[in-house]
Protein backbone atom coordinates (compact mmCIF):
# COMPACT_ATOMS: atom_id res chain seq x y z
CA MET A 1 -49.83 -81.55 14.58
CA ARG A 2 -48.88 -80.50 11.46
CA ILE A 3 -45.36 -80.74 10.34
CA PHE A 4 -44.06 -77.90 8.46
CA LEU A 5 -41.77 -78.68 5.76
CA ALA A 6 -38.56 -76.90 6.03
CA GLN A 7 -38.48 -73.96 3.81
CA GLU A 8 -35.64 -73.63 1.48
CA PHE A 9 -32.99 -71.35 2.77
CA HIS A 10 -31.16 -69.20 0.33
CA ASP A 11 -27.45 -68.84 0.47
CA ILE A 12 -25.97 -65.62 1.95
CA THR A 13 -25.29 -62.94 -0.69
CA GLY A 14 -22.60 -60.29 -0.73
CA PRO A 15 -23.08 -56.74 0.48
CA VAL A 16 -25.35 -54.50 -1.52
CA ASP A 17 -23.70 -51.35 -2.97
CA TYR A 18 -25.77 -48.38 -1.98
CA PHE A 19 -23.25 -45.71 -3.24
CA LEU A 20 -25.07 -43.60 -5.77
CA LEU A 21 -22.01 -42.12 -7.56
CA LYS A 22 -20.20 -44.07 -10.20
CA PRO A 23 -16.39 -44.36 -10.08
CA TRP A 24 -15.98 -42.29 -13.25
CA MET A 25 -17.91 -39.44 -11.61
CA ILE A 26 -15.52 -39.43 -8.66
CA PHE A 27 -12.52 -39.47 -11.01
CA CYS A 28 -13.88 -36.48 -12.98
CA ALA A 29 -14.61 -34.51 -9.80
CA VAL A 30 -11.08 -35.11 -8.45
CA ALA A 31 -9.52 -34.20 -11.81
CA ALA A 32 -11.58 -30.99 -12.03
CA THR A 33 -10.64 -30.02 -8.46
CA LEU A 34 -6.93 -30.59 -9.13
CA LEU A 35 -7.21 -28.60 -12.36
CA VAL A 36 -8.81 -25.65 -10.55
CA ILE A 37 -6.18 -25.76 -7.79
CA GLY A 38 -3.36 -25.92 -10.34
CA LEU A 39 -4.83 -23.07 -12.37
CA THR A 40 -5.22 -20.95 -9.23
CA ILE A 41 -1.58 -21.53 -8.23
CA TRP A 42 -0.39 -20.70 -11.74
CA LEU A 43 -2.44 -17.47 -11.81
CA ILE A 44 -1.09 -16.40 -8.43
CA LYS A 45 2.51 -17.01 -9.55
CA TRP A 46 1.88 -15.22 -12.85
CA TRP A 47 0.32 -12.26 -11.04
CA ARG A 48 3.31 -11.93 -8.73
CA ASN A 49 5.89 -12.30 -11.51
CA ARG A 50 4.18 -10.19 -14.17
CA PRO A 51 6.36 -7.47 -15.60
CA VAL A 52 5.78 -4.17 -13.93
CA ILE A 53 5.72 -1.41 -16.47
CA GLY A 54 7.22 1.60 -14.83
CA PRO A 55 7.83 5.07 -16.09
CA THR A 56 10.30 5.50 -18.94
CA PRO A 57 13.65 7.19 -18.26
CA ARG A 58 12.29 10.33 -19.95
CA GLU A 59 9.19 10.39 -17.72
CA ARG A 60 11.31 9.78 -14.61
CA ALA A 61 13.72 12.57 -15.54
CA LEU A 62 10.94 15.05 -16.31
CA ASP A 63 9.28 14.22 -12.99
CA LEU A 64 12.55 14.72 -11.08
CA LEU A 65 13.21 18.00 -12.90
CA ALA A 66 9.70 19.20 -12.03
CA ARG A 67 10.29 18.31 -8.38
CA ILE A 68 13.64 20.05 -8.21
CA GLU A 69 12.15 23.17 -9.79
CA THR A 70 10.31 23.75 -6.53
CA GLU A 71 13.66 23.77 -4.70
CA ILE A 72 15.31 26.33 -6.97
CA ASP A 73 14.96 29.09 -4.36
CA LYS A 74 15.88 26.87 -1.39
CA LEU A 75 19.17 25.49 -2.75
CA THR A 76 22.33 27.37 -3.55
CA PRO A 77 23.19 27.45 -7.26
CA TYR A 78 26.09 25.10 -6.50
CA GLN A 79 23.82 22.49 -4.86
CA PHE A 80 21.19 22.96 -7.54
CA SER A 81 23.69 22.42 -10.36
CA ILE A 82 24.86 19.18 -8.77
CA LYS A 83 21.31 17.86 -8.47
CA VAL A 84 20.28 18.86 -12.00
CA SER A 85 23.50 17.42 -13.39
CA ASP A 86 22.88 14.13 -11.58
CA ILE A 87 19.33 13.92 -12.96
CA LEU A 88 20.49 14.57 -16.52
CA ARG A 89 23.43 12.18 -16.28
CA ARG A 90 21.20 9.43 -14.90
CA TYR A 91 18.72 10.07 -17.72
CA VAL A 92 21.40 9.79 -20.41
CA THR A 93 22.75 6.63 -18.79
CA GLU A 94 19.32 4.97 -18.64
CA GLN A 95 17.97 6.22 -21.98
CA TYR A 96 21.06 5.80 -24.18
CA GLN A 97 23.11 3.27 -22.17
CA LEU A 98 26.09 5.63 -22.11
CA PRO A 99 28.45 5.58 -19.11
CA VAL A 100 27.97 9.27 -18.34
CA THR A 101 27.93 8.83 -14.59
CA ARG A 102 31.45 7.39 -14.67
CA GLN A 103 33.00 9.96 -16.98
CA THR A 104 34.06 13.53 -16.67
CA SER A 105 32.27 16.10 -18.78
CA VAL A 106 35.26 16.37 -21.14
CA GLU A 107 35.42 12.60 -21.64
CA PHE A 108 31.72 12.44 -22.32
CA LEU A 109 31.76 15.37 -24.75
CA ASN A 110 34.61 13.72 -26.67
CA MET A 111 32.56 10.53 -26.88
CA LEU A 112 29.50 12.42 -28.18
CA ALA A 113 30.99 12.69 -31.65
CA ALA A 114 30.61 8.91 -32.13
CA THR A 115 26.98 8.79 -30.96
CA SER A 116 23.66 9.30 -32.69
CA PHE A 117 22.87 12.58 -30.94
CA SER A 118 21.72 15.36 -33.23
CA GLY A 119 23.64 18.60 -33.48
CA ASP A 120 21.04 20.41 -31.36
CA GLU A 121 21.22 17.73 -28.67
CA GLN A 122 25.02 17.82 -28.67
CA SER A 123 25.12 21.60 -28.39
CA LEU A 124 22.51 21.58 -25.60
CA LEU A 125 24.39 18.92 -23.68
CA THR A 126 27.74 20.65 -24.23
CA ASP A 127 26.37 23.98 -23.04
CA PHE A 128 24.68 22.34 -20.04
CA LEU A 129 27.77 20.42 -18.94
CA ASN A 130 30.04 23.45 -19.40
CA ARG A 131 27.72 25.60 -17.25
CA CYS A 132 27.57 22.89 -14.57
CA ASP A 133 31.35 22.53 -14.55
CA LEU A 134 31.75 26.29 -14.20
CA ILE A 135 29.44 26.34 -11.19
CA LYS A 136 30.69 23.12 -9.59
CA PHE A 137 34.43 23.23 -10.20
CA ALA A 138 35.40 26.79 -11.09
CA ARG A 139 33.12 28.10 -8.32
CA TYR A 140 31.54 30.57 -10.74
CA ASP A 141 29.41 33.05 -8.81
CA ALA A 142 26.09 31.78 -10.12
CA THR A 143 22.68 33.28 -9.52
CA ARG A 144 19.16 31.88 -9.39
CA GLU A 145 18.83 32.83 -13.05
CA ASP A 146 21.78 30.56 -13.86
CA SER A 147 19.99 27.77 -11.99
CA ARG A 148 16.83 28.43 -14.02
CA LEU A 149 18.86 28.37 -17.23
CA LEU A 150 20.37 25.01 -16.25
CA LEU A 151 16.91 23.65 -15.48
CA ASN A 152 15.53 24.89 -18.80
CA GLU A 153 18.42 23.34 -20.73
CA ALA A 154 17.97 20.04 -18.91
CA ASN A 155 14.23 20.06 -19.64
CA ARG A 156 14.80 20.85 -23.32
CA PHE A 157 17.35 18.06 -23.64
CA VAL A 158 15.12 15.48 -21.97
CA LYS A 159 12.11 16.53 -24.06
CA GLY A 160 14.03 15.94 -27.25
CA GLY A 161 16.83 18.44 -27.58
CA VAL A 162 14.84 21.04 -29.47
CA LEU A 163 16.34 24.49 -29.23
CA GLU A 164 13.90 27.25 -28.48
CA PRO A 165 14.01 30.28 -30.74
CA ALA A 166 16.09 33.08 -29.30
């Protein structure tokens, strides 16, 4: 019988790392993912809070005047003058930051002297407000032609106050 010499036994070694990715690769991937998530959240918030560019006061007023023109035959001159007056007063309030909606026509016309309105604009506005006051408060017996004249004056004022040749 042959005696086998005891083979040398090696000591137990630690576990072998079979993970193929390096720690710096994992760090970069996590950082890139967080960056993409953060950028996505920022873009969504920016998209929701972006300034909405709406129509200018002039565009809004011209649109409302065009709409009300279709109602000129349906409304009485009294109702029509109230609506056109409201549109023009709202336009002046929004465009020039003047408190027209809280003033009487006389108060506003007195204030016009201290503003930057041209003479044509002042005369158009004065004529318009006087006609509206006649229809609304003096119960002037207005016709559809008076309503058309009010609408034309309002349109001319909103478009820039240019008087048309007579």
